[in-house]
């Protein structure tokens, strides 16, 4: 292993220990995925040395890659298993989709910005995830009805309310994880479907970029 690869592997291990385990992320499969996926491949060259920092990073088009902890926590809350079919709303860089793929999920990832979708699809292909992840361009607030019901839905942008389209596309007994609130602050909501009822609980405060679309925010404030 060359020095650069050894350095990034060590950085991932430090990130898992200091940012995830110490904050209560316990699922060993999630921790292993976070220790495996090369986060530095999902950020711009100019901030690559910050890839394992405890903060989000810009990826262009007004979007960000979430801090490692929030990616791990949302994945843990989703509680998915190998071969589960997951809808990932807000592809961004593709990092969250790669983490889900490492867990053995079949992922459809939807991104409204065509340039981000193209870049993420290329990146995931180069890293060998294209057999488990399909990136599509569209309005994530409307989900992907042609693939429903989904075994899990994860939304990496903040909605003013839980989109009804996503609720009804969730499989019975499965979870939707989504930030909900204002432009400035939100609650990370976990929604679990039981027949025609949906149980909701907050996992705590968070801050995300807005989820733009028909059942989200408009393009302006």
C-alpha atoms as a PDB file:
ATOM      1  CA  UNK A   1       0.000   0.000   0.000  1.00  0.00           C
ATOM      2  CA  UNK A   2       1.485   3.393  -0.980  1.00  0.00           C
ATOM      3  CA  UNK A   3       1.769   6.294   1.457  1.00  0.00           C
ATOM      4  CA  UNK A   4      -1.308   8.163   0.154  1.00  0.00           C
ATOM      5  CA  UNK A   5      -3.566   5.126   0.363  1.00  0.00           C
ATOM      6  CA  UNK A   6      -2.233   4.276   3.810  1.00  0.00           C
ATOM      7  CA  UNK A   7      -2.871   7.859   4.890  1.00  0.00           C
ATOM      8  CA  UNK A   8      -6.471   7.937   3.722  1.00  0.00           C
ATOM      9  CA  UNK A   9      -7.143   4.511   5.267  1.00  0.00           C
ATOM     10  CA  UNK A  10      -5.795   5.798   8.580  1.00  0.00           C
ATOM     11  CA  UNK A  11      -7.928   8.943   8.234  1.00  0.00           C
ATOM     12  CA  UNK A  12     -11.048   6.825   7.704  1.00  0.00           C
ATOM     13  CA  UNK A  13     -10.245   4.730  10.763  1.00  0.00           C
ATOM     14  CA  UNK A  14      -9.755   7.857  12.887  1.00  0.00           C
ATOM     15  CA  UNK A  15     -13.029   9.265  11.556  1.00  0.00           C
ATOM     16  CA  UNK A  16     -14.903   6.082  12.462  1.00  0.00           C
ATOM     17  CA  UNK A  17     -13.452   6.010  15.976  1.00  0.00           C
ATOM     18  CA  UNK A  18     -13.648   9.691  16.880  1.00  0.00           C
ATOM     19  CA  UNK A  19     -16.706  10.902  14.979  1.00  0.00           C
ATOM     20  CA  UNK A  20     -18.927   7.812  14.852  1.00  0.00           C
ATOM     21  CA  UNK A  21     -18.247   5.341  17.665  1.00  0.00           C
ATOM     22  CA  UNK A  22     -17.737   8.069  20.244  1.00  0.00           C
ATOM     23  CA  UNK A  23     -21.079   9.635  19.275  1.00  0.00           C
ATOM     24  CA  UNK A  24     -23.002   6.413  19.608  1.00  0.00           C
ATOM     25  CA  UNK A  25     -23.111   4.879  16.132  1.00  0.00           C
ATOM     26  CA  UNK A  26     -23.140   1.167  16.966  1.00  0.00           C
ATOM     27  CA  UNK A  27     -24.186  -0.822  13.897  1.00  0.00           C
ATOM     28  CA  UNK A  28     -21.021  -2.745  12.912  1.00  0.00           C
ATOM     29  CA  UNK A  29     -22.106  -2.950   9.268  1.00  0.00           C
ATOM     30  CA  UNK A  30     -22.507   0.822   9.059  1.00  0.00           C
ATOM     31  CA  UNK A  31     -19.140   1.383  10.740  1.00  0.00           C
ATOM     32  CA  UNK A  32     -17.489  -1.047   8.320  1.00  0.00           C
ATOM     33  CA  UNK A  33     -19.040   0.699   5.310  1.00  0.00           C
ATOM     34  CA  UNK A  34     -17.898   4.091   6.537  1.00  0.00           C
ATOM     35  CA  UNK A  35     -14.390   2.682   7.023  1.00  0.00           C
ATOM     36  CA  UNK A  36     -14.380   1.286   3.482  1.00  0.00           C
ATOM     37  CA  UNK A  37     -15.812   3.940   1.146  1.00  0.00           C
ATOM     38  CA  UNK A  38     -13.108   6.459   0.111  1.00  0.00           C
ATOM     39  CA  UNK A  39     -14.769   9.740   1.056  1.00  0.00           C
ATOM     40  CA  UNK A  40     -11.923  11.698  -0.546  1.00  0.00           C
ATOM     41  CA  UNK A  41     -13.129  10.451  -3.951  1.00  0.00           C
ATOM     42  CA  UNK A  42     -16.444  12.280  -3.449  1.00  0.00           C
ATOM     43  CA  UNK A  43     -15.104  15.789  -2.807  1.00  0.00           C
ATOM     44  CA  UNK A  44     -13.369  18.378  -4.974  1.00  0.00           C
ATOM     45  CA  UNK A  45      -9.595  18.251  -5.258  1.00  0.00           C
ATOM     46  CA  UNK A  46      -9.246  21.633  -3.534  1.00  0.00           C
ATOM     47  CA  UNK A  47     -10.824  20.286  -0.309  1.00  0.00           C
ATOM     48  CA  UNK A  48      -9.615  16.705  -0.511  1.00  0.00           C
ATOM     49  CA  UNK A  49      -7.395  17.219   2.529  1.00  0.00           C
ATOM     50  CA  UNK A  50     -10.564  18.022   4.498  1.00  0.00           C
ATOM     51  CA  UNK A  51     -12.515  14.947   3.353  1.00  0.00           C
ATOM     52  CA  UNK A  52     -12.534  13.360   6.817  1.00  0.00           C
ATOM     53  CA  UNK A  53     -13.247  16.524   8.761  1.00  0.00           C
ATOM     54  CA  UNK A  54     -16.238  16.683  11.093  1.00  0.00           C
ATOM     55  CA  UNK A  55     -18.239  19.005   8.850  1.00  0.00           C
ATOM     56  CA  UNK A  56     -20.059  19.113   5.491  1.00  0.00           C
ATOM     57  CA  UNK A  57     -18.217  20.220   2.363  1.00  0.00           C
ATOM     58  CA  UNK A  58     -19.463  22.025  -0.772  1.00  0.00           C
ATOM     59  CA  UNK A  59     -19.820  19.945  -3.935  1.00  0.00           C
ATOM     60  CA  UNK A  60     -21.169  22.597  -6.322  1.00  0.00           C
ATOM     61  CA  UNK A  61     -24.652  23.732  -7.429  1.00  0.00           C
ATOM     62  CA  UNK A  62     -25.309  24.976  -3.890  1.00  0.00           C
ATOM     63  CA  UNK A  63     -25.176  21.434  -2.509  1.00  0.00           C
ATOM     64  CA  UNK A  64     -22.984  19.757   0.109  1.00  0.00           C
ATOM     65  CA  UNK A  65     -21.691  16.353   1.124  1.00  0.00           C
ATOM     66  CA  UNK A  66     -22.968  15.801   4.674  1.00  0.00           C
ATOM     67  CA  UNK A  67     -20.563  15.406   7.574  1.00  0.00           C
ATOM     68  CA  UNK A  68     -19.559  11.772   8.172  1.00  0.00           C
ATOM     69  CA  UNK A  69     -21.558  11.464  11.403  1.00  0.00           C
ATOM     70  CA  UNK A  70     -24.865  12.461   9.843  1.00  0.00           C
ATOM     71  CA  UNK A  71     -24.337  10.039   6.932  1.00  0.00           C
ATOM     72  CA  UNK A  72     -23.639   7.202   9.369  1.00  0.00           C
ATOM     73  CA  UNK A  73     -26.505   8.116  11.707  1.00  0.00           C
ATOM     74  CA  UNK A  74     -29.079   8.369   8.919  1.00  0.00           C
ATOM     75  CA  UNK A  75     -27.894   5.041   7.515  1.00  0.00           C
ATOM     76  CA  UNK A  76     -28.139   3.414  10.926  1.00  0.00           C
ATOM     77  CA  UNK A  77     -31.636   4.806  11.469  1.00  0.00           C
ATOM     78  CA  UNK A  78     -32.769   3.456   8.093  1.00  0.00           C
ATOM     79  CA  UNK A  79     -32.055  -0.087   9.365  1.00  0.00           C
ATOM     80  CA  UNK A  80     -31.640  -1.743   5.977  1.00  0.00           C
ATOM     81  CA  UNK A  81     -30.445  -5.250   5.121  1.00  0.00           C
ATOM     82  CA  UNK A  82     -28.559  -6.729   2.155  1.00  0.00           C
ATOM     83  CA  UNK A  83     -30.644  -6.861  -1.035  1.00  0.00           C
ATOM     84  CA  UNK A  84     -33.084  -4.242   0.274  1.00  0.00           C
ATOM     85  CA  UNK A  85     -34.236  -1.812  -2.389  1.00  0.00           C
ATOM     86  CA  UNK A  86     -33.553   1.747  -1.255  1.00  0.00           C
ATOM     87  CA  UNK A  87     -34.524   5.125  -2.693  1.00  0.00           C
ATOM     88  CA  UNK A  88     -31.821   7.726  -2.033  1.00  0.00           C
ATOM     89  CA  UNK A  89     -33.206  11.240  -2.533  1.00  0.00           C
ATOM     90  CA  UNK A  90     -30.594  13.916  -3.195  1.00  0.00           C
ATOM     91  CA  UNK A  91     -27.678  12.084  -4.784  1.00  0.00           C
ATOM     92  CA  UNK A  92     -25.254  14.982  -4.454  1.00  0.00           C
ATOM     93  CA  UNK A  93     -21.757  13.540  -4.777  1.00  0.00           C
ATOM     94  CA  UNK A  94     -23.012   9.945  -4.553  1.00  0.00           C
ATOM     95  CA  UNK A  95     -21.352   9.263  -1.178  1.00  0.00           C
ATOM     96  CA  UNK A  96     -24.526   8.234   0.635  1.00  0.00           C
ATOM     97  CA  UNK A  97     -25.479   5.922  -2.232  1.00  0.00           C
ATOM     98  CA  UNK A  98     -22.037   4.293  -2.029  1.00  0.00           C
ATOM     99  CA  UNK A  99     -22.459   3.674   1.706  1.00  0.00           C
ATOM    100  CA  UNK A 100     -25.831   2.009   1.080  1.00  0.00           C
ATOM    101  CA  UNK A 101     -24.284  -0.072  -1.703  1.00  0.00           C
ATOM    102  CA  UNK A 102     -21.550  -1.234   0.687  1.00  0.00           C
ATOM    103  CA  UNK A 103     -24.356  -2.534   2.912  1.00  0.00           C
ATOM    104  CA  UNK A 104     -25.517  -4.684   0.004  1.00  0.00           C
ATOM    105  CA  UNK A 105     -28.550  -2.593  -0.910  1.00  0.00           C
ATOM    106  CA  UNK A 106     -29.874  -2.036  -4.416  1.00  0.00           C
ATOM    107  CA  UNK A 107     -30.054   1.741  -4.686  1.00  0.00           C
ATOM    108  CA  UNK A 108     -31.893   4.128  -6.959  1.00  0.00           C
ATOM    109  CA  UNK A 109     -30.546   7.609  -6.294  1.00  0.00           C
ATOM    110  CA  UNK A 110     -32.429  10.642  -7.572  1.00  0.00           C
ATOM    111  CA  UNK A 111     -30.901  14.100  -8.105  1.00  0.00           C
ATOM    112  CA  UNK A 112     -32.591  17.218  -9.501  1.00  0.00           C
ATOM    113  CA  UNK A 113     -29.363  18.839 -10.735  1.00  0.00           C
ATOM    114  CA  UNK A 114     -28.397  17.101 -13.981  1.00  0.00           C
ATOM    115  CA  UNK A 115     -24.699  18.009 -13.721  1.00  0.00           C
ATOM    116  CA  UNK A 116     -24.424  16.552 -10.218  1.00  0.00           C
ATOM    117  CA  UNK A 117     -26.272  13.417 -11.324  1.00  0.00           C
ATOM    118  CA  UNK A 118     -23.876  12.898 -14.254  1.00  0.00           C
ATOM    119  CA  UNK A 119     -20.801  13.442 -12.110  1.00  0.00           C
ATOM    120  CA  UNK A 120     -22.069  11.144  -9.364  1.00  0.00           C
ATOM    121  CA  UNK A 121     -22.923   8.380 -11.830  1.00  0.00           C
ATOM    122  CA  UNK A 122     -19.434   8.605 -13.361  1.00  0.00           C
ATOM    123  CA  UNK A 123     -17.809   8.575  -9.933  1.00  0.00           C
ATOM    124  CA  UNK A 124     -19.815   5.580  -8.737  1.00  0.00           C
ATOM    125  CA  UNK A 125     -18.981   3.728 -11.951  1.00  0.00           C
ATOM    126  CA  UNK A 126     -15.253   4.368 -11.542  1.00  0.00           C
ATOM    127  CA  UNK A 127     -15.410   3.103  -7.958  1.00  0.00           C
ATOM    128  CA  UNK A 128     -17.268  -0.045  -8.964  1.00  0.00           C
ATOM    129  CA  UNK A 129     -20.683   0.719  -7.471  1.00  0.00           C
ATOM    130  CA  UNK A 130     -22.637   0.964 -10.707  1.00  0.00           C
ATOM    131  CA  UNK A 131     -23.867  -2.631 -10.373  1.00  0.00           C
ATOM    132  CA  UNK A 132     -25.720  -1.641  -7.178  1.00  0.00           C
ATOM    133  CA  UNK A 133     -26.540   2.039  -7.740  1.00  0.00           C
ATOM    134  CA  UNK A 134     -28.557   3.671 -10.507  1.00  0.00           C
ATOM    135  CA  UNK A 135     -28.563   7.470 -10.607  1.00  0.00           C
ATOM    136  CA  UNK A 136     -31.539   9.229 -12.172  1.00  0.00           C
ATOM    137  CA  UNK A 137     -32.405  12.893 -12.667  1.00  0.00           C
ATOM    138  CA  UNK A 138     -35.732  14.154 -11.393  1.00  0.00           C
ATOM    139  CA  UNK A 139     -37.838  15.652  -8.619  1.00  0.00           C
ATOM    140  CA  UNK A 140     -36.926  13.735  -5.483  1.00  0.00           C
ATOM    141  CA  UNK A 141     -39.962  15.037  -3.583  1.00  0.00           C
ATOM    142  CA  UNK A 142     -42.107  12.871  -5.861  1.00  0.00           C
ATOM    143  CA  UNK A 143     -39.996   9.774  -5.236  1.00  0.00           C
ATOM    144  CA  UNK A 144     -39.896   7.015  -7.823  1.00  0.00           C
ATOM    145  CA  UNK A 145     -43.347   5.402  -8.104  1.00  0.00           C
ATOM    146  CA  UNK A 146     -42.214   2.869 -10.704  1.00  0.00           C
ATOM    147  CA  UNK A 147     -39.937   1.257  -8.111  1.00  0.00           C
ATOM    148  CA  UNK A 148     -42.291   1.375  -5.137  1.00  0.00           C
ATOM    149  CA  UNK A 149     -42.730   0.063  -2.563  1.00  0.00           C
ATOM    150  CA  UNK A 150     -39.229   0.826  -1.295  1.00  0.00           C
ATOM    151  CA  UNK A 151     -37.589  -1.032   1.587  1.00  0.00           C
ATOM    152  CA  UNK A 152     -36.116   2.257   2.745  1.00  0.00           C
ATOM    153  CA  UNK A 153     -36.145   5.901   1.701  1.00  0.00           C
ATOM    154  CA  UNK A 154     -33.374   8.273   2.748  1.00  0.00           C
ATOM    155  CA  UNK A 155     -33.571  11.993   2.003  1.00  0.00           C
ATOM    156  CA  UNK A 156     -30.434  14.124   2.217  1.00  0.00           C
ATOM    157  CA  UNK A 157     -32.132  17.527   2.007  1.00  0.00           C
ATOM    158  CA  UNK A 158     -34.607  19.361   4.236  1.00  0.00           C
ATOM    159  CA  UNK A 159     -38.328  19.438   3.499  1.00  0.00           C
ATOM    160  CA  UNK A 160     -40.883  21.839   5.022  1.00  0.00           C
ATOM    161  CA  UNK A 161     -43.066  18.763   5.669  1.00  0.00           C
ATOM    162  CA  UNK A 162     -42.840  15.057   4.931  1.00  0.00           C
ATOM    163  CA  UNK A 163     -43.741  14.635   1.235  1.00  0.00           C
ATOM    164  CA  UNK A 164     -46.878  12.541   0.895  1.00  0.00           C
ATOM    165  CA  UNK A 165     -45.464  10.937  -2.254  1.00  0.00           C
ATOM    166  CA  UNK A 166     -42.606   9.457  -0.219  1.00  0.00           C
ATOM    167  CA  UNK A 167     -44.897   8.209   2.528  1.00  0.00           C
ATOM    168  CA  UNK A 168     -47.039   6.165   0.183  1.00  0.00           C
ATOM    169  CA  UNK A 169     -44.025   4.693  -1.641  1.00  0.00           C
ATOM    170  CA  UNK A 170     -42.624   3.208   1.571  1.00  0.00           C
ATOM    171  CA  UNK A 171     -43.068  -0.532   2.128  1.00  0.00           C
ATOM    172  CA  UNK A 172     -44.996  -1.724   5.174  1.00  0.00           C
ATOM    173  CA  UNK A 173     -42.814  -2.000   8.254  1.00  0.00           C
ATOM    174  CA  UNK A 174     -39.980   0.007   6.690  1.00  0.00           C
ATOM    175  CA  UNK A 175     -38.478   3.437   7.328  1.00  0.00           C
ATOM    176  CA  UNK A 176     -38.169   6.858   5.752  1.00  0.00           C
ATOM    177  CA  UNK A 177     -35.421   9.101   7.209  1.00  0.00           C
ATOM    178  CA  UNK A 178     -35.743  12.787   6.356  1.00  0.00           C
ATOM    179  CA  UNK A 179     -34.853  16.231   7.787  1.00  0.00           C
ATOM    180  CA  UNK A 180     -37.979  18.371   8.247  1.00  0.00           C
ATOM    181  CA  UNK A 181     -38.239  22.003   9.307  1.00  0.00           C
ATOM    182  CA  UNK A 182     -37.328  25.511   8.210  1.00  0.00           C
ATOM    183  CA  UNK A 183     -34.541  26.681   5.936  1.00  0.00           C
ATOM    184  CA  UNK A 184     -32.354  27.356   8.972  1.00  0.00           C
ATOM    185  CA  UNK A 185     -32.889  24.289  11.158  1.00  0.00           C
ATOM    186  CA  UNK A 186     -34.679  20.974  11.083  1.00  0.00           C
ATOM    187  CA  UNK A 187     -35.420  17.803  13.003  1.00  0.00           C
ATOM    188  CA  UNK A 188     -34.147  14.495  11.661  1.00  0.00           C
ATOM    189  CA  UNK A 189     -37.372  12.534  11.369  1.00  0.00           C
ATOM    190  CA  UNK A 190     -37.736   8.766  11.308  1.00  0.00           C
ATOM    191  CA  UNK A 191     -41.031   7.651   9.757  1.00  0.00           C
ATOM    192  CA  UNK A 192     -42.086   4.009   9.977  1.00  0.00           C
ATOM    193  CA  UNK A 193     -45.041   2.653   8.059  1.00  0.00           C
ATOM    194  CA  UNK A 194     -47.563   0.247   9.560  1.00  0.00           C
ATOM    195  CA  UNK A 195     -50.297  -0.358   7.030  1.00  0.00           C
ATOM    196  CA  UNK A 196     -52.065   2.955   6.510  1.00  0.00           C
ATOM    197  CA  UNK A 197     -50.484   4.525   9.582  1.00  0.00           C
ATOM    198  CA  UNK A 198     -47.084   6.186   9.877  1.00  0.00           C
ATOM    199  CA  UNK A 199     -45.274   6.496  13.184  1.00  0.00           C
ATOM    200  CA  UNK A 200     -42.994   9.526  13.384  1.00  0.00           C
ATOM    201  CA  UNK A 201     -40.235  10.455  15.819  1.00  0.00           C
ATOM    202  CA  UNK A 202     -37.388  12.931  15.862  1.00  0.00           C
ATOM    203  CA  UNK A 203     -33.789  11.823  16.270  1.00  0.00           C
ATOM    204  CA  UNK A 204     -32.725  15.377  17.059  1.00  0.00           C
ATOM    205  CA  UNK A 205     -31.861  18.689  15.421  1.00  0.00           C
ATOM    206  CA  UNK A 206     -29.927  18.972  12.173  1.00  0.00           C
ATOM    207  CA  UNK A 207     -29.191  21.417   9.354  1.00  0.00           C
ATOM    208  CA  UNK A 208     -29.449  20.483   5.649  1.00  0.00           C
ATOM    209  CA  UNK A 209     -29.764  22.277   2.338  1.00  0.00           C
ATOM    210  CA  UNK A 210     -33.400  22.636   1.196  1.00  0.00           C
ATOM    211  CA  UNK A 211     -35.250  19.895  -0.665  1.00  0.00           C
ATOM    212  CA  UNK A 212     -36.520  21.638  -3.790  1.00  0.00           C
ATOM    213  CA  UNK A 213     -39.470  20.239  -5.726  1.00  0.00           C
ATOM    214  CA  UNK A 214     -43.217  19.934  -6.073  1.00  0.00           C
ATOM    215  CA  UNK A 215     -43.681  18.623  -2.531  1.00  0.00           C
ATOM    216  CA  UNK A 216     -40.705  20.471  -1.053  1.00  0.00           C
ATOM    217  CA  UNK A 217     -39.453  24.035  -1.256  1.00  0.00           C
ATOM    218  CA  UNK A 218     -39.728  26.177  -4.372  1.00  0.00           C
ATOM    219  CA  UNK A 219     -36.457  27.268  -5.994  1.00  0.00           C
ATOM    220  CA  UNK A 220     -36.656  30.560  -4.059  1.00  0.00           C
ATOM    221  CA  UNK A 221     -37.103  31.140  -0.345  1.00  0.00           C
END
